[in-house]
Amino acid sequence: MPSEEMMVTTAIAVGGYVGTKLFGTALASMGDDINKLYNRGRDKIVDAATKKVDNPEDGKTVNLRAARDVLWNGAITEDEVCAEYFGGMLAAARSEDGKDDGVVHYVDTIKAMSARQLELHYVIYKSWQNLLNQKIETPINVALSADVQKWKIFMAGLELSARKLPYDRDLTVLHRLGLIQDFRYDNHAVDGKNLRYASVTPTTFGVMLFAVAHNKMEAWRNFGAENYESTSGIASLTYFADSLEKLCVASGMPFKSEETK
């Protein structure tokens, strides 16, 4: 971690007299605060990772490079969603010989996302997994893009907003990172009633990130047949569906197709 002296020196070099006057005292005391926050965040990540390991006596060893990246990038926060994802990365960084650092790429992805963007990714893929669990007669190969891109997940905009997920902004970030194929947010208005909604098409990489967050990296292809549970208490969405019509029904909203409006 950066020392207090380094922080103050940086402030002086960048801001000169005014910068030192404005921020010097704060930066001088910030080092101890960051260290305390880091320790709390580190412990939260380790606790989350421990809950994701099925067999603590399996003899596996964590890769030091991956562990360093996870803790360095994830510990300066106390957000439960961040602990979920970074904890999953730390658990997934364990291998027989401790040499497998394949999780580093996923760490690079999640460190580029805000906590709310991570939560948006979580509820999208948890919703899709729930939908796939309901359609066990229709197997899907999540490693095959042609299978994955047949799907759309529809979510109620009001519920996303109530969870403080700015989907109209953050879906663009998920798209840029390859976590969704495409997206749309719109209003469905019928008989004076209005339903704000968002729809997305998932991606294989989005599935893989969701799997790694649950320490399921080696079994990510089974995503559609499993039911991942959050160890940090992240709630699933209440309203979601694989079509706008079904979302309207679930939300108690009349549905009328574009052709019949």
C-alpha atoms as a PDB file:
ATOM      1  CA  MET A   1       0.000   0.000   0.000  1.00  0.00           C
ATOM      2  CA  PRO A   2       1.214   3.602  -0.646  1.00  0.00           C
ATOM      3  CA  SER A   3       2.722   5.239   2.423  1.00  0.00           C
ATOM      4  CA  GLU A   4       1.382   8.411   3.962  1.00  0.00           C
ATOM      5  CA  GLU A   5       4.559  10.242   2.995  1.00  0.00           C
ATOM      6  CA  MET A   6       4.191   9.211  -0.647  1.00  0.00           C
ATOM      7  CA  MET A   7       0.618  10.542  -0.710  1.00  0.00           C
ATOM      8  CA  VAL A   8       1.587  13.906   0.746  1.00  0.00           C
ATOM      9  CA  THR A   9       4.599  14.188  -1.576  1.00  0.00           C
ATOM     10  CA  THR A  10       2.371  13.480  -4.565  1.00  0.00           C
ATOM     11  CA  ALA A  11      -0.071  16.176  -3.476  1.00  0.00           C
ATOM     12  CA  ILE A  12       2.740  18.711  -3.151  1.00  0.00           C
ATOM     13  CA  ALA A  13       4.256  17.787  -6.522  1.00  0.00           C
ATOM     14  CA  VAL A  14       0.950  17.939  -8.355  1.00  0.00           C
ATOM     15  CA  GLY A  15      -0.879  20.713  -6.593  1.00  0.00           C
ATOM     16  CA  GLY A  16       1.837  22.936  -5.197  1.00  0.00           C
ATOM     17  CA  TYR A  17       0.965  25.261  -2.330  1.00  0.00           C
ATOM     18  CA  VAL A  18      -2.784  25.342  -3.005  1.00  0.00           C
ATOM     19  CA  GLY A  19      -2.973  21.582  -3.432  1.00  0.00           C
ATOM     20  CA  THR A  20      -1.099  21.028  -0.186  1.00  0.00           C
ATOM     21  CA  LYS A  21      -3.316  23.487   1.653  1.00  0.00           C
ATOM     22  CA  LEU A  22      -6.483  21.836   0.328  1.00  0.00           C
ATOM     23  CA  PHE A  23      -5.528  18.161   0.543  1.00  0.00           C
ATOM     24  CA  GLY A  24      -2.269  17.786   2.470  1.00  0.00           C
ATOM     25  CA  THR A  25      -3.800  17.219   5.904  1.00  0.00           C
ATOM     26  CA  ALA A  26      -6.412  14.843   4.538  1.00  0.00           C
ATOM     27  CA  LEU A  27      -3.859  12.847   2.608  1.00  0.00           C
ATOM     28  CA  ALA A  28      -1.559  12.661   5.603  1.00  0.00           C
ATOM     29  CA  SER A  29      -4.295  10.967   7.654  1.00  0.00           C
ATOM     30  CA  MET A  30      -5.650   8.938   4.755  1.00  0.00           C
ATOM     31  CA  GLY A  31      -2.879   6.334   4.802  1.00  0.00           C
ATOM     32  CA  ASP A  32      -4.002   4.847   8.113  1.00  0.00           C
ATOM     33  CA  ASP A  33      -7.663   4.937   7.043  1.00  0.00           C
ATOM     34  CA  ILE A  34      -6.881   3.133   3.785  1.00  0.00           C
ATOM     35  CA  ASN A  35      -4.872   0.503   5.621  1.00  0.00           C
ATOM     36  CA  LYS A  36      -7.797  -0.142   7.963  1.00  0.00           C
ATOM     37  CA  LEU A  37     -10.210  -0.297   5.021  1.00  0.00           C
ATOM     38  CA  TYR A  38      -7.857  -2.613   3.152  1.00  0.00           C
ATOM     39  CA  ASN A  39      -7.668  -4.989   6.119  1.00  0.00           C
ATOM     40  CA  ARG A  40     -11.454  -5.087   6.473  1.00  0.00           C
ATOM     41  CA  GLY A  41     -11.953  -5.562   2.740  1.00  0.00           C
ATOM     42  CA  ARG A  42      -9.284  -8.255   2.610  1.00  0.00           C
ATOM     43  CA  ASP A  43     -10.957 -10.183   5.410  1.00  0.00           C
ATOM     44  CA  LYS A  44     -14.346  -9.859   3.723  1.00  0.00           C
ATOM     45  CA  ILE A  45     -12.939 -11.251   0.449  1.00  0.00           C
ATOM     46  CA  VAL A  46     -11.192 -14.127   2.222  1.00  0.00           C
ATOM     47  CA  ASP A  47     -14.410 -14.924   4.093  1.00  0.00           C
ATOM     48  CA  ALA A  48     -16.405 -14.921   0.844  1.00  0.00           C
ATOM     49  CA  ALA A  49     -13.783 -17.100  -0.851  1.00  0.00           C
ATOM     50  CA  THR A  50     -13.793 -19.582   2.026  1.00  0.00           C
ATOM     51  CA  LYS A  51     -17.568 -20.038   1.677  1.00  0.00           C
ATOM     52  CA  LYS A  52     -17.115 -20.877  -2.008  1.00  0.00           C
ATOM     53  CA  VAL A  53     -14.628 -23.726  -1.400  1.00  0.00           C
ATOM     54  CA  ASP A  54     -16.459 -27.042  -1.130  1.00  0.00           C
ATOM     55  CA  ASN A  55     -13.569 -28.959   0.420  1.00  0.00           C
ATOM     56  CA  PRO A  56     -11.034 -26.947   2.449  1.00  0.00           C
ATOM     57  CA  GLU A  57      -8.924 -30.101   2.798  1.00  0.00           C
ATOM     58  CA  ASP A  58      -8.490 -30.648  -0.953  1.00  0.00           C
ATOM     59  CA  GLY A  59      -4.792 -29.762  -0.792  1.00  0.00           C
ATOM     60  CA  LYS A  60      -5.025 -27.001  -3.410  1.00  0.00           C
ATOM     61  CA  THR A  61      -2.817 -23.898  -3.198  1.00  0.00           C
ATOM     62  CA  VAL A  62      -3.691 -20.356  -4.211  1.00  0.00           C
ATOM     63  CA  ASN A  63      -1.674 -18.789  -7.009  1.00  0.00           C
ATOM     64  CA  LEU A  64       0.240 -15.850  -5.531  1.00  0.00           C
ATOM     65  CA  ARG A  65       0.063 -13.668  -8.633  1.00  0.00           C
ATOM     66  CA  ALA A  66      -3.704 -14.088  -8.825  1.00  0.00           C
ATOM     67  CA  ALA A  67      -4.134 -13.606  -5.068  1.00  0.00           C
ATOM     68  CA  ARG A  68      -2.109 -10.383  -5.211  1.00  0.00           C
ATOM     69  CA  ASP A  69      -4.243  -9.012  -8.050  1.00  0.00           C
ATOM     70  CA  VAL A  70      -7.489  -9.988  -6.311  1.00  0.00           C
ATOM     71  CA  LEU A  71      -6.601  -8.388  -2.982  1.00  0.00           C
ATOM     72  CA  TRP A  72      -4.825  -5.342  -4.416  1.00  0.00           C
ATOM     73  CA  ASN A  73      -7.823  -4.474  -6.614  1.00  0.00           C
ATOM     74  CA  GLY A  74     -10.670  -5.709  -4.458  1.00  0.00           C
ATOM     75  CA  ALA A  75      -9.865  -4.971  -0.828  1.00  0.00           C
ATOM     76  CA  ILE A  76     -10.415  -1.189  -0.882  1.00  0.00           C
ATOM     77  CA  THR A  77     -14.183  -1.577  -0.680  1.00  0.00           C
ATOM     78  CA  GLU A  78     -16.705  -3.029   1.734  1.00  0.00           C
ATOM     79  CA  ASP A  79     -19.404  -3.573  -0.883  1.00  0.00           C
ATOM     80  CA  GLU A  80     -20.982  -7.037  -0.674  1.00  0.00           C
ATOM     81  CA  VAL A  81     -21.176  -7.422  -4.450  1.00  0.00           C
ATOM     82  CA  CYS A  82     -17.460  -6.739  -4.802  1.00  0.00           C
ATOM     83  CA  ALA A  83     -16.739  -9.267  -2.052  1.00  0.00           C
ATOM     84  CA  GLU A  84     -18.842 -11.807  -3.956  1.00  0.00           C
ATOM     85  CA  TYR A  85     -16.912 -11.403  -7.185  1.00  0.00           C
ATOM     86  CA  PHE A  86     -13.421 -10.936  -5.799  1.00  0.00           C
ATOM     87  CA  GLY A  87     -14.018 -13.734  -3.301  1.00  0.00           C
ATOM     88  CA  GLY A  88     -14.988 -16.013  -6.178  1.00  0.00           C
ATOM     89  CA  MET A  89     -11.813 -15.047  -8.020  1.00  0.00           C
ATOM     90  CA  LEU A  90      -9.681 -15.828  -4.979  1.00  0.00           C
ATOM     91  CA  ALA A  91     -11.329 -19.219  -4.512  1.00  0.00           C
ATOM     92  CA  ALA A  92     -10.939 -19.985  -8.231  1.00  0.00           C
ATOM     93  CA  ALA A  93      -7.218 -19.116  -8.061  1.00  0.00           C
ATOM     94  CA  ARG A  94      -6.537 -22.347  -6.141  1.00  0.00           C
ATOM     95  CA  SER A  95      -5.048 -25.337  -7.992  1.00  0.00           C
ATOM     96  CA  GLU A  96      -3.163 -28.552  -7.276  1.00  0.00           C
ATOM     97  CA  ASP A  97       0.259 -26.977  -7.738  1.00  0.00           C
ATOM     98  CA  GLY A  98      -0.614 -23.300  -7.244  1.00  0.00           C
ATOM     99  CA  LYS A  99       0.673 -22.426 -10.714  1.00  0.00           C
ATOM    100  CA  ASP A 100      -2.668 -21.792 -12.447  1.00  0.00           C
ATOM    101  CA  ASP A 101      -3.105 -18.010 -12.813  1.00  0.00           C
ATOM    102  CA  GLY A 102      -5.902 -18.215 -15.389  1.00  0.00           C
ATOM    103  CA  VAL A 103      -8.225 -16.212 -13.157  1.00  0.00           C
ATOM    104  CA  VAL A 104      -6.166 -13.033 -13.705  1.00  0.00           C
ATOM    105  CA  HIS A 105      -8.061 -12.140 -16.885  1.00  0.00           C
ATOM    106  CA  TYR A 106     -11.361 -12.187 -15.001  1.00  0.00           C
ATOM    107  CA  VAL A 107      -9.870 -10.006 -12.264  1.00  0.00           C
ATOM    108  CA  ASP A 108      -8.899  -7.491 -14.943  1.00  0.00           C
ATOM    109  CA  THR A 109     -12.521  -7.461 -16.102  1.00  0.00           C
ATOM    110  CA  ILE A 110     -14.178  -6.961 -12.739  1.00  0.00           C
ATOM    111  CA  LYS A 111     -11.698  -4.332 -11.576  1.00  0.00           C
ATOM    112  CA  ALA A 112     -12.837  -2.254 -14.562  1.00  0.00           C
ATOM    113  CA  MET A 113     -16.434  -2.336 -13.304  1.00  0.00           C
ATOM    114  CA  SER A 114     -18.215  -0.458 -10.555  1.00  0.00           C
ATOM    115  CA  ALA A 115     -20.034  -2.322  -7.799  1.00  0.00           C
ATOM    116  CA  ARG A 116     -23.400  -1.536  -9.383  1.00  0.00           C
ATOM    117  CA  GLN A 117     -22.204  -2.737 -12.801  1.00  0.00           C
ATOM    118  CA  LEU A 118     -21.136  -5.999 -11.168  1.00  0.00           C
ATOM    119  CA  GLU A 119     -24.557  -6.276  -9.548  1.00  0.00           C
ATOM    120  CA  LEU A 120     -26.236  -5.654 -12.904  1.00  0.00           C
ATOM    121  CA  HIS A 121     -24.152  -8.453 -14.426  1.00  0.00           C
ATOM    122  CA  TYR A 122     -25.103 -10.670 -11.500  1.00  0.00           C
ATOM    123  CA  VAL A 123     -28.864 -10.187 -11.762  1.00  0.00           C
ATOM    124  CA  ILE A 124     -28.811 -10.666 -15.539  1.00  0.00           C
ATOM    125  CA  TYR A 125     -27.049 -14.009 -15.393  1.00  0.00           C
ATOM    126  CA  LYS A 126     -28.860 -15.191 -12.272  1.00  0.00           C
ATOM    127  CA  SER A 127     -32.145 -14.433 -14.052  1.00  0.00           C
ATOM    128  CA  TRP A 128     -31.006 -16.357 -17.109  1.00  0.00           C
ATOM    129  CA  GLN A 129     -29.900 -19.319 -15.003  1.00  0.00           C
ATOM    130  CA  ASN A 130     -33.298 -19.334 -13.315  1.00  0.00           C
ATOM    131  CA  LEU A 131     -34.995 -19.317 -16.732  1.00  0.00           C
ATOM    132  CA  LEU A 132     -32.823 -22.185 -17.936  1.00  0.00           C
ATOM    133  CA  ASN A 133     -33.635 -24.135 -14.775  1.00  0.00           C
ATOM    134  CA  GLN A 134     -37.303 -23.817 -15.714  1.00  0.00           C
ATOM    135  CA  LYS A 135     -36.654 -25.139 -19.225  1.00  0.00           C
ATOM    136  CA  ILE A 136     -34.741 -28.313 -18.492  1.00  0.00           C
ATOM    137  CA  GLU A 137     -36.351 -30.009 -21.496  1.00  0.00           C
ATOM    138  CA  THR A 138     -34.473 -27.613 -23.765  1.00  0.00           C
ATOM    139  CA  PRO A 139     -30.741 -28.199 -23.260  1.00  0.00           C
ATOM    140  CA  ILE A 140     -28.391 -25.381 -24.177  1.00  0.00           C
ATOM    141  CA  ASN A 141     -24.686 -25.374 -24.880  1.00  0.00           C
ATOM    142  CA  VAL A 142     -23.441 -22.148 -23.289  1.00  0.00           C
ATOM    143  CA  ALA A 143     -20.097 -22.639 -25.038  1.00  0.00           C
ATOM    144  CA  LEU A 144     -21.855 -22.332 -28.416  1.00  0.00           C
ATOM    145  CA  SER A 145     -22.572 -18.743 -29.403  1.00  0.00           C
ATOM    146  CA  ALA A 146     -25.394 -19.805 -31.721  1.00  0.00           C
ATOM    147  CA  ASP A 147     -27.221 -21.317 -28.732  1.00  0.00           C
ATOM    148  CA  VAL A 148     -26.508 -18.417 -26.395  1.00  0.00           C
ATOM    149  CA  GLN A 149     -27.593 -15.720 -28.839  1.00  0.00           C
ATOM    150  CA  LYS A 150     -31.042 -17.261 -29.272  1.00  0.00           C
ATOM    151  CA  TRP A 151     -31.931 -15.950 -25.831  1.00  0.00           C
ATOM    152  CA  LYS A 152     -33.074 -12.602 -24.505  1.00  0.00           C
ATOM    153  CA  ILE A 153     -33.621 -11.746 -20.866  1.00  0.00           C
ATOM    154  CA  PHE A 154     -36.278  -9.122 -20.145  1.00  0.00           C
ATOM    155  CA  MET A 155     -36.193  -7.210 -16.846  1.00  0.00           C
ATOM    156  CA  ALA A 156     -38.453  -4.573 -15.305  1.00  0.00           C
ATOM    157  CA  GLY A 157     -36.847  -1.151 -15.378  1.00  0.00           C
ATOM    158  CA  LEU A 158     -38.641  -0.064 -12.206  1.00  0.00           C
ATOM    159  CA  GLU A 159     -37.121  -2.944 -10.229  1.00  0.00           C
ATOM    160  CA  LEU A 160     -33.643  -2.250 -11.587  1.00  0.00           C
ATOM    161  CA  SER A 161     -33.987   1.431 -10.694  1.00  0.00           C
ATOM    162  CA  ALA A 162     -35.255   0.557  -7.203  1.00  0.00           C
ATOM    163  CA  ARG A 163     -32.001  -1.351  -6.683  1.00  0.00           C
ATOM    164  CA  LYS A 164     -30.115   1.770  -7.840  1.00  0.00           C
ATOM    165  CA  LEU A 165     -28.864   0.050 -10.987  1.00  0.00           C
ATOM    166  CA  PRO A 166     -28.587   2.717 -13.728  1.00  0.00           C
ATOM    167  CA  TYR A 167     -29.144   0.226 -16.531  1.00  0.00           C
ATOM    168  CA  ASP A 168     -29.522   2.877 -19.226  1.00  0.00           C
ATOM    169  CA  ARG A 169     -25.898   3.809 -18.570  1.00  0.00           C
ATOM    170  CA  ASP A 170     -24.274   0.616 -17.339  1.00  0.00           C
ATOM    171  CA  LEU A 171     -25.534  -1.763 -20.002  1.00  0.00           C
ATOM    172  CA  THR A 172     -23.163   0.021 -22.377  1.00  0.00           C
ATOM    173  CA  VAL A 173     -20.252  -0.911 -20.080  1.00  0.00           C
ATOM    174  CA  LEU A 174     -21.289  -4.575 -19.974  1.00  0.00           C
ATOM    175  CA  HIS A 175     -21.606  -4.549 -23.761  1.00  0.00           C
ATOM    176  CA  ARG A 176     -18.164  -2.972 -24.192  1.00  0.00           C
ATOM    177  CA  LEU A 177     -16.631  -5.654 -21.956  1.00  0.00           C
ATOM    178  CA  GLY A 178     -18.255  -8.478 -23.911  1.00  0.00           C
ATOM    179  CA  LEU A 179     -20.567  -9.487 -21.061  1.00  0.00           C
ATOM    180  CA  ILE A 180     -23.720  -9.027 -23.155  1.00  0.00           C
ATOM    181  CA  GLN A 181     -24.188  -9.305 -26.905  1.00  0.00           C
ATOM    182  CA  ASP A 182     -26.727  -6.525 -27.322  1.00  0.00           C
ATOM    183  CA  PHE A 183     -29.237  -4.626 -25.211  1.00  0.00           C
ATOM    184  CA  ARG A 184     -32.320  -2.452 -25.362  1.00  0.00           C
ATOM    185  CA  TYR A 185     -34.254  -0.329 -22.911  1.00  0.00           C
ATOM    186  CA  ASP A 186     -37.683   0.985 -23.789  1.00  0.00           C
ATOM    187  CA  ASN A 187     -41.241   1.596 -22.610  1.00  0.00           C
ATOM    188  CA  HIS A 188     -44.211  -0.654 -23.303  1.00  0.00           C
ATOM    189  CA  ALA A 189     -47.391   1.409 -23.115  1.00  0.00           C
ATOM    190  CA  VAL A 190     -50.908  -0.092 -23.273  1.00  0.00           C
ATOM    191  CA  ASP A 191     -54.223   1.472 -22.236  1.00  0.00           C
ATOM    192  CA  GLY A 192     -52.587   4.270 -20.291  1.00  0.00           C
ATOM    193  CA  LYS A 193     -50.238   1.930 -18.437  1.00  0.00           C
ATOM    194  CA  ASN A 194     -46.498   1.969 -18.964  1.00  0.00           C
ATOM    195  CA  LEU A 195     -43.816  -0.640 -18.310  1.00  0.00           C
ATOM    196  CA  ARG A 196     -40.179   0.397 -18.480  1.00  0.00           C
ATOM    197  CA  TYR A 197     -38.027  -2.572 -19.353  1.00  0.00           C
ATOM    198  CA  ALA A 198     -34.558  -3.626 -20.416  1.00  0.00           C
ATOM    199  CA  SER A 199     -33.630  -6.632 -22.519  1.00  0.00           C
ATOM    200  CA  VAL A 200     -30.233  -8.194 -23.134  1.00  0.00           C
ATOM    201  CA  THR A 201     -28.719 -11.050 -25.088  1.00  0.00           C
ATOM    202  CA  PRO A 202     -26.157 -12.974 -23.009  1.00  0.00           C
ATOM    203  CA  THR A 203     -22.681 -14.097 -24.066  1.00  0.00           C
ATOM    204  CA  THR A 204     -20.460 -17.052 -23.310  1.00  0.00           C
ATOM    205  CA  PHE A 205     -17.937 -14.751 -21.622  1.00  0.00           C
ATOM    206  CA  GLY A 206     -20.698 -13.362 -19.427  1.00  0.00           C
ATOM    207  CA  VAL A 207     -21.515 -16.927 -18.360  1.00  0.00           C
ATOM    208  CA  MET A 208     -17.867 -17.658 -17.627  1.00  0.00           C
ATOM    209  CA  LEU A 209     -17.437 -14.564 -15.447  1.00  0.00           C
ATOM    210  CA  PHE A 210     -20.588 -15.456 -13.518  1.00  0.00           C
ATOM    211  CA  ALA A 211     -19.302 -19.008 -13.047  1.00  0.00           C
ATOM    212  CA  VAL A 212     -15.862 -17.885 -11.870  1.00  0.00           C
ATOM    213  CA  ALA A 213     -17.509 -15.551  -9.345  1.00  0.00           C
ATOM    214  CA  HIS A 214     -19.032 -18.687  -7.809  1.00  0.00           C
ATOM    215  CA  ASN A 215     -15.797 -20.713  -8.015  1.00  0.00           C
ATOM    216  CA  LYS A 216     -17.256 -22.800 -10.842  1.00  0.00           C
ATOM    217  CA  MET A 217     -14.535 -22.119 -13.417  1.00  0.00           C
ATOM    218  CA  GLU A 218     -13.924 -25.793 -14.156  1.00  0.00           C
ATOM    219  CA  ALA A 219     -17.645 -26.546 -14.523  1.00  0.00           C
ATOM    220  CA  TRP A 220     -18.894 -23.396 -16.251  1.00  0.00           C
ATOM    221  CA  ARG A 221     -20.389 -25.400 -19.130  1.00  0.00           C
ATOM    222  CA  ASN A 222     -22.959 -26.758 -16.661  1.00  0.00           C
ATOM    223  CA  PHE A 223     -24.265 -23.226 -16.007  1.00  0.00           C
ATOM    224  CA  GLY A 224     -27.738 -23.972 -17.391  1.00  0.00           C
ATOM    225  CA  ALA A 225     -28.209 -27.083 -15.253  1.00  0.00           C
ATOM    226  CA  GLU A 226     -26.995 -25.624 -11.957  1.00  0.00           C
ATOM    227  CA  ASN A 227     -28.329 -23.105  -9.470  1.00  0.00           C
ATOM    228  CA  TYR A 228     -25.589 -20.824  -8.163  1.00  0.00           C
ATOM    229  CA  GLU A 229     -26.291 -19.192  -4.819  1.00  0.00           C
ATOM    230  CA  SER A 230     -24.799 -15.936  -3.596  1.00  0.00           C
ATOM    231  CA  THR A 231     -22.697 -16.249  -0.450  1.00  0.00           C
ATOM    232  CA  SER A 232     -22.956 -12.505   0.153  1.00  0.00           C
ATOM    233  CA  GLY A 233     -26.727 -12.192   0.058  1.00  0.00           C
ATOM    234  CA  ILE A 234     -27.174 -10.706  -3.425  1.00  0.00           C
ATOM    235  CA  ALA A 235     -30.879 -11.053  -4.189  1.00  0.00           C
ATOM    236  CA  SER A 236     -32.248 -12.252  -7.516  1.00  0.00           C
ATOM    237  CA  LEU A 237     -34.685 -10.139  -9.480  1.00  0.00           C
ATOM    238  CA  THR A 238     -38.393 -10.665  -8.870  1.00  0.00           C
ATOM    239  CA  TYR A 239     -39.527  -9.746 -12.375  1.00  0.00           C
ATOM    240  CA  PHE A 240     -37.758 -11.277 -15.367  1.00  0.00           C
ATOM    241  CA  ALA A 241     -38.736 -13.360 -18.380  1.00  0.00           C
ATOM    242  CA  ASP A 242     -37.565 -14.568 -21.765  1.00  0.00           C
ATOM    243  CA  SER A 243     -40.077 -12.398 -23.638  1.00  0.00           C
ATOM    244  CA  LEU A 244     -41.710  -9.013 -23.200  1.00  0.00           C
ATOM    245  CA  GLU A 245     -45.146 -10.634 -23.140  1.00  0.00           C
ATOM    246  CA  LYS A 246     -44.173 -12.880 -20.217  1.00  0.00           C
ATOM    247  CA  LEU A 247     -42.590  -9.945 -18.382  1.00  0.00           C
ATOM    248  CA  CYS A 248     -45.843  -8.023 -18.760  1.00  0.00           C
ATOM    249  CA  VAL A 249     -47.829 -10.957 -17.380  1.00  0.00           C
ATOM    250  CA  ALA A 250     -45.449 -11.309 -14.413  1.00  0.00           C
ATOM    251  CA  SER A 251     -45.699  -7.565 -13.744  1.00  0.00           C
ATOM    252  CA  GLY A 252     -49.488  -7.437 -14.040  1.00  0.00           C
ATOM    253  CA  MET A 253     -49.228  -5.271 -17.153  1.00  0.00           C
ATOM    254  CA  PRO A 254     -51.427  -5.694 -20.257  1.00  0.00           C
ATOM    255  CA  PHE A 255     -49.513  -6.821 -23.322  1.00  0.00           C
ATOM    256  CA  LYS A 256     -50.182  -5.835 -26.895  1.00  0.00           C
ATOM    257  CA  SER A 257     -47.773  -6.655 -29.678  1.00  0.00           C
ATOM    258  CA  GLU A 258     -46.496  -3.978 -32.047  1.00  0.00           C
ATOM    259  CA  GLU A 259     -48.581  -5.545 -34.820  1.00  0.00           C
ATOM    260  CA  THR A 260     -51.856  -5.220 -32.893  1.00  0.00           C
ATOM    261  CA  LYS A 261     -51.350  -1.816 -31.326  1.00  0.00           C
END
